N, C-alpha and C. Protein backbone atom coordinates (compact mmCIF):
# COMPACT_ATOMS: atom_id res chain seq x y z
N UNK A 1 114.23 84.98 69.71
CA UNK A 1 113.42 85.33 70.87
C UNK A 1 113.23 86.85 70.92
N UNK A 2 112.07 87.25 71.42
CA UNK A 2 111.77 88.66 71.62
C UNK A 2 111.36 88.85 73.07
N UNK A 3 111.30 90.10 73.50
CA UNK A 3 110.95 90.40 74.89
C UNK A 3 109.61 91.12 74.95
N UNK A 4 108.70 90.60 75.77
CA UNK A 4 107.42 91.25 76.01
C UNK A 4 107.73 92.60 76.68
N UNK A 5 107.22 93.73 76.14
CA UNK A 5 107.55 95.04 76.69
C UNK A 5 106.93 95.32 78.06
N UNK A 6 105.97 94.53 78.46
CA UNK A 6 105.30 94.77 79.75
C UNK A 6 105.97 93.98 80.88
N UNK A 7 106.05 92.65 80.71
CA UNK A 7 106.58 91.81 81.79
C UNK A 7 108.03 91.41 81.60
N UNK A 8 108.59 91.76 80.42
CA UNK A 8 110.00 91.47 80.09
C UNK A 8 110.31 89.99 79.89
N UNK A 9 109.28 89.16 79.75
CA UNK A 9 109.49 87.74 79.50
C UNK A 9 110.02 87.53 78.09
N UNK A 10 110.96 86.63 77.92
CA UNK A 10 111.48 86.26 76.60
C UNK A 10 110.50 85.26 75.99
N UNK A 11 110.05 85.54 74.77
CA UNK A 11 109.08 84.67 74.11
C UNK A 11 109.48 84.46 72.65
N UNK A 12 109.00 83.36 72.09
CA UNK A 12 109.19 83.07 70.68
C UNK A 12 108.13 83.85 69.90
N UNK A 13 108.52 84.70 68.96
CA UNK A 13 107.51 85.50 68.24
C UNK A 13 106.52 84.65 67.46
N UNK A 14 106.89 83.43 67.11
CA UNK A 14 105.98 82.55 66.37
C UNK A 14 104.86 82.01 67.24
N UNK A 15 105.07 82.00 68.54
CA UNK A 15 104.06 81.44 69.45
C UNK A 15 103.58 82.44 70.49
N UNK A 16 103.74 83.73 70.23
CA UNK A 16 103.35 84.78 71.18
C UNK A 16 101.83 84.74 71.38
N UNK A 17 101.39 84.28 72.53
CA UNK A 17 99.96 84.09 72.80
C UNK A 17 99.19 85.40 72.87
N UNK A 18 99.87 86.50 73.17
CA UNK A 18 99.19 87.79 73.25
C UNK A 18 99.15 88.54 71.93
N UNK A 19 99.76 87.96 70.90
CA UNK A 19 99.76 88.60 69.59
C UNK A 19 100.81 89.69 69.48
N UNK A 20 100.60 90.56 68.50
CA UNK A 20 101.57 91.62 68.23
C UNK A 20 100.86 92.95 68.02
N UNK A 21 101.63 94.01 68.14
CA UNK A 21 101.19 95.37 67.81
C UNK A 21 102.35 96.08 67.15
N UNK A 22 102.04 96.93 66.19
CA UNK A 22 103.07 97.77 65.58
C UNK A 22 102.75 99.21 65.95
N UNK A 23 103.72 99.88 66.57
CA UNK A 23 103.55 101.26 67.03
C UNK A 23 104.71 102.09 66.51
N UNK A 24 104.39 103.11 65.74
CA UNK A 24 105.43 104.00 65.18
C UNK A 24 106.56 103.21 64.52
N UNK A 25 106.21 102.17 63.78
CA UNK A 25 107.20 101.39 63.06
C UNK A 25 107.90 100.32 63.87
N UNK A 26 107.60 100.22 65.15
CA UNK A 26 108.22 99.21 66.01
C UNK A 26 107.21 98.11 66.30
N UNK A 27 107.62 96.86 66.08
CA UNK A 27 106.76 95.71 66.34
C UNK A 27 106.97 95.22 67.77
N UNK A 28 105.87 94.96 68.47
CA UNK A 28 105.91 94.44 69.84
C UNK A 28 105.16 93.11 69.89
N UNK A 29 105.69 92.16 70.64
CA UNK A 29 105.07 90.86 70.84
C UNK A 29 104.72 90.72 72.31
N UNK A 30 103.64 89.98 72.61
CA UNK A 30 103.16 89.86 73.98
C UNK A 30 102.97 88.41 74.37
N UNK A 31 103.34 88.10 75.62
CA UNK A 31 103.24 86.73 76.11
C UNK A 31 101.79 86.34 76.40
N UNK A 32 100.93 87.34 76.66
CA UNK A 32 99.54 87.05 76.99
C UNK A 32 98.65 88.24 76.62
N UNK A 33 97.36 87.98 76.58
CA UNK A 33 96.43 89.06 76.26
C UNK A 33 96.40 90.11 77.37
N UNK A 34 96.68 89.71 78.61
CA UNK A 34 96.68 90.70 79.69
C UNK A 34 97.86 91.67 79.55
N UNK A 35 99.02 91.18 79.10
CA UNK A 35 100.15 92.09 78.85
C UNK A 35 99.83 93.02 77.68
N UNK A 36 99.17 92.49 76.67
CA UNK A 36 98.79 93.32 75.52
C UNK A 36 97.82 94.43 75.96
N UNK A 37 96.83 94.07 76.77
CA UNK A 37 95.86 95.07 77.28
C UNK A 37 96.57 96.12 78.13
N UNK A 38 97.50 95.68 78.97
CA UNK A 38 98.25 96.61 79.81
C UNK A 38 99.04 97.60 78.94
N UNK A 39 99.69 97.07 77.89
CA UNK A 39 100.45 97.93 76.97
C UNK A 39 99.52 98.94 76.30
N UNK A 40 98.34 98.48 75.84
CA UNK A 40 97.39 99.38 75.18
C UNK A 40 96.90 100.48 76.13
N UNK A 41 96.69 100.13 77.40
CA UNK A 41 96.21 101.15 78.36
C UNK A 41 97.28 102.19 78.66
N UNK A 42 98.57 101.80 78.55
CA UNK A 42 99.67 102.72 78.80
C UNK A 42 100.08 103.50 77.55
N UNK A 43 99.61 103.05 76.38
CA UNK A 43 99.97 103.68 75.10
C UNK A 43 98.69 103.87 74.28
N UNK A 44 97.92 104.91 74.60
CA UNK A 44 96.60 105.09 73.98
C UNK A 44 96.65 105.23 72.45
N UNK A 45 97.79 105.62 71.87
CA UNK A 45 97.88 105.73 70.43
C UNK A 45 98.10 104.41 69.72
N UNK A 46 98.39 103.35 70.48
CA UNK A 46 98.64 102.03 69.89
C UNK A 46 97.32 101.38 69.49
N UNK A 47 97.38 100.64 68.37
CA UNK A 47 96.18 99.92 67.92
C UNK A 47 96.55 98.55 67.46
C-alpha cells in the first residue's frame, strides 16, 4: 500500500485511479484525478 500525498488515503499502487507522477526521483500515487491535479497545482515543477 502507498499513501496519496494529497488526501493521505492508503491505496494499492496497482489500482491507483489517479495514476502516478515521479518528481525528483520520488514516485507518487494518487487515489483520484482530482488529487493528482491538486498535487500538480501545488508543485508546478511536477509533470
